[in-house]
Amino acid sequence: MTETKNLEGHLWGGSGIERVLFDFILNTIPEGCSTKAFSAFYKTYSVDDNVQYQNLFEGVNYIYANNINGWYNRQSIVDNLPEEYSLVFVDGPSGEGNRNGLLNNLDIFRDDVTFIFHDTYRVPGKNLAIEVANALGKSITFYEDGDFWAVVK
């Protein structure tokens, strides 16, 4: 993956998303999302199990959800997730297979919103996106333009 500086010095690529995915979200999602770049455009909520990623950027509402059995603390999300949002961006928790906990916790998220899965070049990430699409009865589209991601809507 290449890295280029854009959007007031934001570094794209590496372990973060590529600019093409950022632009896709800006052009298709009316509101809601996460990360420093998105906080300039949306009211953002970021769920993370690592305290070092809490309170890094102004304008982001951080939800600390410690890791329990390989996935986020469900109650921390339930207690802090806003009623209204339009996107669930799946990019964690880190670790092989840890994102699969989402399947057992889909009920805590609205099912009328778009789900975007980052890093679908990894087989577990791609399979999770397919399983979530099937569980929610939604369509899935995979993208490999500058990054590997899937949209479930």
Protein backbone atom coordinates (compact mmCIF):
# COMPACT_ATOMS: atom_id res chain seq x y z
CA MET A 1 0.00 0.00 0.00
CA THR A 2 1.22 3.45 -0.82
CA GLU A 3 1.17 6.39 1.54
CA THR A 4 0.36 9.94 0.44
CA LYS A 5 -0.21 13.11 2.42
CA ASN A 6 -3.57 14.79 1.90
CA LEU A 7 -6.30 16.51 3.91
CA GLU A 8 -4.24 18.85 6.07
CA GLY A 9 -1.26 16.51 6.36
CA HIS A 10 -3.23 13.31 7.02
CA LEU A 11 -1.11 10.26 6.17
CA TRP A 12 -3.04 7.73 4.09
CA GLY A 13 -2.24 4.03 3.87
CA GLY A 14 -0.03 1.93 6.07
CA SER A 15 -2.30 0.44 8.75
CA GLY A 16 -4.94 3.12 8.12
CA ILE A 17 -7.40 3.41 5.29
CA GLU A 18 -6.48 4.62 1.83
CA ARG A 19 -7.83 7.91 0.45
CA VAL A 20 -10.07 6.07 -2.05
CA LEU A 21 -12.02 4.45 0.82
CA PHE A 22 -12.24 7.77 2.68
CA ASP A 23 -13.63 9.45 -0.45
CA PHE A 24 -16.13 6.61 -0.95
CA ILE A 25 -17.47 7.10 2.57
CA LEU A 26 -17.70 10.88 2.18
CA ASN A 27 -19.63 10.47 -1.07
CA THR A 28 -22.04 7.76 0.09
CA ILE A 29 -22.61 8.04 3.85
CA PRO A 30 -24.72 10.98 5.02
CA GLU A 31 -23.29 11.07 8.56
CA GLY A 32 -21.47 8.99 11.15
CA CYS A 33 -18.03 7.39 11.20
CA SER A 34 -14.70 7.33 13.02
CA THR A 35 -11.02 8.39 12.93
CA LYS A 36 -9.36 11.78 12.90
CA ALA A 37 -10.04 12.48 9.22
CA PHE A 38 -13.72 11.66 9.53
CA SER A 39 -14.15 13.80 12.65
CA ALA A 40 -13.77 16.87 10.41
CA PHE A 41 -16.93 15.82 8.54
CA TYR A 42 -19.03 13.66 10.87
CA LYS A 43 -20.04 13.21 14.48
CA THR A 44 -17.80 10.27 15.23
CA TYR A 45 -17.70 7.40 17.70
CA SER A 46 -14.69 5.12 17.93
CA VAL A 47 -14.78 1.81 19.81
CA ASP A 48 -11.40 0.46 20.86
CA ASP A 49 -10.03 -2.01 23.38
CA ASN A 50 -6.65 -0.30 23.61
CA VAL A 51 -6.37 2.69 25.97
CA GLN A 52 -3.51 4.13 23.92
CA TYR A 53 -6.01 4.89 21.14
CA GLN A 54 -8.42 6.77 23.40
CA ASN A 55 -8.75 10.55 23.32
CA LEU A 56 -6.24 11.05 20.51
CA PHE A 57 -8.22 13.54 18.45
CA GLU A 58 -10.67 16.32 19.19
CA GLY A 59 -14.18 15.79 17.90
CA VAL A 60 -14.14 12.00 18.33
CA ASN A 61 -16.33 10.32 20.95
CA TYR A 62 -14.28 7.44 22.27
CA ILE A 63 -15.85 4.27 23.64
CA TYR A 64 -13.44 2.14 25.60
CA ALA A 65 -14.56 -1.49 25.42
CA ASN A 66 -11.96 -3.83 26.90
CA ASN A 67 -11.45 -7.16 25.17
CA ILE A 68 -13.42 -10.06 26.62
CA ASN A 69 -12.87 -13.47 25.00
CA GLY A 70 -11.49 -11.95 21.80
CA TRP A 71 -14.08 -9.23 21.19
CA TYR A 72 -15.12 -5.92 22.68
CA ASN A 73 -16.94 -5.65 25.98
CA ARG A 74 -20.52 -5.73 24.71
CA GLN A 75 -21.97 -3.72 27.60
CA SER A 76 -19.53 -0.84 27.04
CA ILE A 77 -20.79 -0.52 23.47
CA VAL A 78 -24.47 -0.84 24.44
CA ASP A 79 -24.09 1.83 27.12
CA ASN A 80 -22.31 4.34 24.87
CA LEU A 81 -23.50 3.83 21.30
CA PRO A 82 -25.68 6.71 20.10
CA GLU A 83 -29.26 6.06 18.94
CA GLU A 84 -28.69 7.59 15.53
CA TYR A 85 -25.81 6.65 13.24
CA SER A 86 -25.48 5.69 9.59
CA LEU A 87 -22.30 3.61 9.36
CA VAL A 88 -20.56 0.82 11.22
CA PHE A 89 -16.91 0.76 10.14
CA VAL A 90 -15.34 -2.57 11.10
CA ASP A 91 -11.59 -2.26 11.60
CA GLY A 92 -11.05 -4.02 14.89
CA PRO A 93 -10.40 -5.40 17.33
CA SER A 94 -6.91 -6.26 16.23
CA GLY A 95 -5.68 -9.83 16.22
CA GLU A 96 -6.37 -12.81 13.99
CA GLY A 97 -10.06 -13.69 14.02
CA ASN A 98 -11.03 -11.23 16.77
CA ARG A 99 -13.45 -9.38 14.53
CA ASN A 100 -15.59 -12.51 14.30
CA GLY A 101 -17.15 -11.60 17.64
CA LEU A 102 -19.27 -9.15 15.68
CA LEU A 103 -21.41 -12.05 14.46
CA ASN A 104 -22.54 -12.82 18.01
CA ASN A 105 -23.25 -9.15 18.70
CA LEU A 106 -25.03 -7.92 15.58
CA ASP A 107 -28.16 -7.32 17.63
CA ILE A 108 -26.59 -4.30 19.37
CA PHE A 109 -26.25 -2.46 16.05
CA ARG A 110 -28.96 -1.01 13.86
CA ASP A 111 -29.54 -3.21 10.83
CA ASP A 112 -30.66 -0.36 8.57
CA VAL A 113 -27.17 1.15 8.29
CA THR A 114 -24.24 0.43 6.03
CA PHE A 115 -21.40 -1.76 7.32
CA ILE A 116 -17.93 -1.26 5.86
CA PHE A 117 -15.26 -3.87 6.51
CA HIS A 118 -11.62 -2.83 6.24
CA ASP A 119 -8.75 -5.18 5.37
CA THR A 120 -10.75 -7.73 3.39
CA TYR A 121 -7.53 -8.90 1.72
CA ARG A 122 -7.28 -11.11 4.82
CA VAL A 123 -9.39 -14.25 4.45
CA PRO A 124 -10.99 -13.97 7.94
CA GLY A 125 -12.00 -10.36 7.24
CA LYS A 126 -13.47 -11.22 3.87
CA ASN A 127 -15.36 -14.19 5.31
CA LEU A 128 -16.72 -12.08 8.17
CA ALA A 129 -18.08 -9.51 5.74
CA ILE A 130 -19.84 -12.28 3.79
CA GLU A 131 -21.27 -13.82 6.97
CA VAL A 132 -22.57 -10.46 8.21
CA ALA A 133 -24.17 -9.74 4.84
CA ASN A 134 -25.87 -13.13 4.93
CA ALA A 135 -26.98 -12.73 8.55
CA LEU A 136 -28.50 -9.32 7.81
CA GLY A 137 -29.94 -10.31 4.41
CA LYS A 138 -27.97 -7.55 2.69
CA SER A 139 -25.90 -7.31 -0.45
CA ILE A 140 -22.12 -7.10 -0.38
CA THR A 141 -19.67 -5.40 -2.72
CA PHE A 142 -15.90 -5.89 -2.52
CA TYR A 143 -13.41 -3.18 -3.52
CA GLU A 144 -9.69 -3.49 -4.21
CA ASP A 145 -9.04 0.05 -5.40
CA GLY A 146 -6.12 1.35 -3.31
CA ASP A 147 -7.23 -0.76 -0.39
CA PHE A 148 -9.26 -3.92 0.25
CA TRP A 149 -12.71 -3.30 1.75
CA ALA A 150 -16.29 -4.44 1.52
CA VAL A 151 -19.60 -2.61 1.74
CA VAL A 152 -22.61 -4.41 3.18
CA LYS A 153 -25.93 -2.62 2.62
